[in-house]
């Protein structure tokens, strides 16, 4: 996700504020609970009556009474987290918010029971990707199934029927479902390999050409609009089993397209053959792949998804991605998918937006369905068909491509109606009050429940900076079930220091405090920089440290200038400090391990569609005559050290301020004489 200063770019809007007539934290918590329950239709009539009674009586005693009454009604006979006491023993500050924690868990259970009540239960519902969309049956007939409520009709059109919207029309089923079967022709599929096709959505006498939300392979047409392409290869024969993650995750964040030194879009197979062995040799045991879900705009870095079930065709065919993952598994490397379920592209012709010719469908149909900063659509996580779609998406990537887990993008934006913009998060009320988005919180718990149910060793990481309590604790404790959250404050800290402080002004006690400041027994992924810091408009750590001198003085036969010497030294020590103190897992973005210069900039009109800055120059590291090798070998040594001693999995190291050395007083520094606090 593109961010500013390490934070997700967001703007204010939609966030409710606590009522001035309800001053207590517990009361505000209950009010938020009631409102969310009403909107989700989970509230019983007794709770509604208590709410209405409270509205007509503003006396403090009455407010306390209705709070107690609501708590009693809501919690009576409701399922509770079986290990809630474990959570409360870890964090006593959560005790005033127990009613809200229980309520969230209860709504989670109700959603889970609703999914189980569907035909086939959770098992079949989350395998819906095998039925929805366009599929070839064993007899070579083609079966099509879609959910598209409120329209007059659907038709499948393409090269195979001369784009005739009346030739192959869907049959209307119940609950907005539409079905079509196209029989085989001479024993073969009626649609041939490589043939282009689309769905016509009919309403009010108008035909609208769309892509199936469930499309599993799409390609970019000459018009720059993506279209479905019929692709029915033989089943991929996996050669290697899944890899269960170890306790110590050393994560290599990678983008397939930029992984070549050449000015081009790299491929899945080239990445598998050239980059995966390099990652293994460098000492990483996890690859986190970004920009896999199809996205019409390359420059979005994969975060404006248009086809959720289609691996990006820029890099090759679906079987090529499977080859990449198989290759990684052969090296004992875990593979995570950077999954984007927090929002969707607003594209209409080749995206989910206005699929049924309304603003609703899979999204909120009102203002809540639009993200004002990202210019994208927001899902309605209470809609059963949205749950089917998104939960099936997670299962699809696990089942069909054997991903070992996920990095969930934009979680902070999901957790709050304000999307986290302008929120200070200085009180527990911020996490359990009116601004918290219960629908999203429950959906995240459902997601983690699902991926752990079918693949217990799966890893889930949240891109989240607010510090939501229990986000990375088990669902049975009342948490949302993530394994890790990204330590997003750490790159912020380093960039701020490099931009605004002289070396001698670094306050080591503040650095150590920031590195170790995280929720007790909630694991963090430490990193000094990621793709966010590399994008155009920002600079990598190496470029902040050495800037233009990297162009002239990185060759060994050139002068070892003070800027280059300092830059390499600080680049190494910044990474070591962050690695050692910042979390229980480590992440490096492709190329940063050897101090890749400059920034990332995808081809666009503003740079004449150039790939010059959309590549990774591994040749700089491999060249023995360049100083990049000193940073790359340092990175390799850090991974080897962790591999030998497993310090990531041993938890935080308690360090007091007395352990932090003070700056050395020097006689030639004028502050040694005038500043009593110096030295």
Foldseek 3Di string as FASTA:
>chain_A
DFPDLLHRDAFFDQFDDFDPLQPDLLLLLLVLLVVQCVVLVNDDPQLVVLVVVCVVDSDPVSSVVSSVVNLCVQPVVADAQQAQVVQCVQPVQCVSVRSLLRSLLRVLVVLQVVQQPPVVGVVVLLQCLQQAAWDQDPQRKIKHKAQFPDFDWKAKAWPLHPRDRPPWTWDDDPPRMTITIGHDDPSHHSADAFTWMFMWTHHPRDTATAHGLSQAAWDQDPVLAITGTDHDDDAADQDFDAFQDDLAAAEEEEEQQFAFLDLGGEALQCCQVPVLVVCLLLQGQEYEYWLQAADSDVQVSNQAHFHLNYGHPRRHHPSSLLVSCSSNVVSSHAYAYAHEQQWHHCDDHRHPQCVNPARADQFPRDPLQARPGVRTGGGQLSDPVNLSSVSSSLVSCCPRRVHQAYEYPLLCLLQFSRSPPPDPLPDLSVNSGNGGDSSSLSSLLVNLCSSCVVPVSGAYEYAHDSQRPQCCPHVSNSHSNHPEYELSVQLSVLVCCLVPHDPQPDDVVVNLCSLQPHRPPRWYAFENDEQNQQAPVHFDLLCSQQNPVLVPAFFQPHDCDPSNVVSLVCLLVSGLSRVQARGLYYYDYPQPQLPFGHGADAQDPVVPRTSNRSHHPCVQCVDPRGNSVVSNVSSSVSSVVCVVVVSSSPDHDDDDPVNDDARDDDPPPVCSPVPPPHD
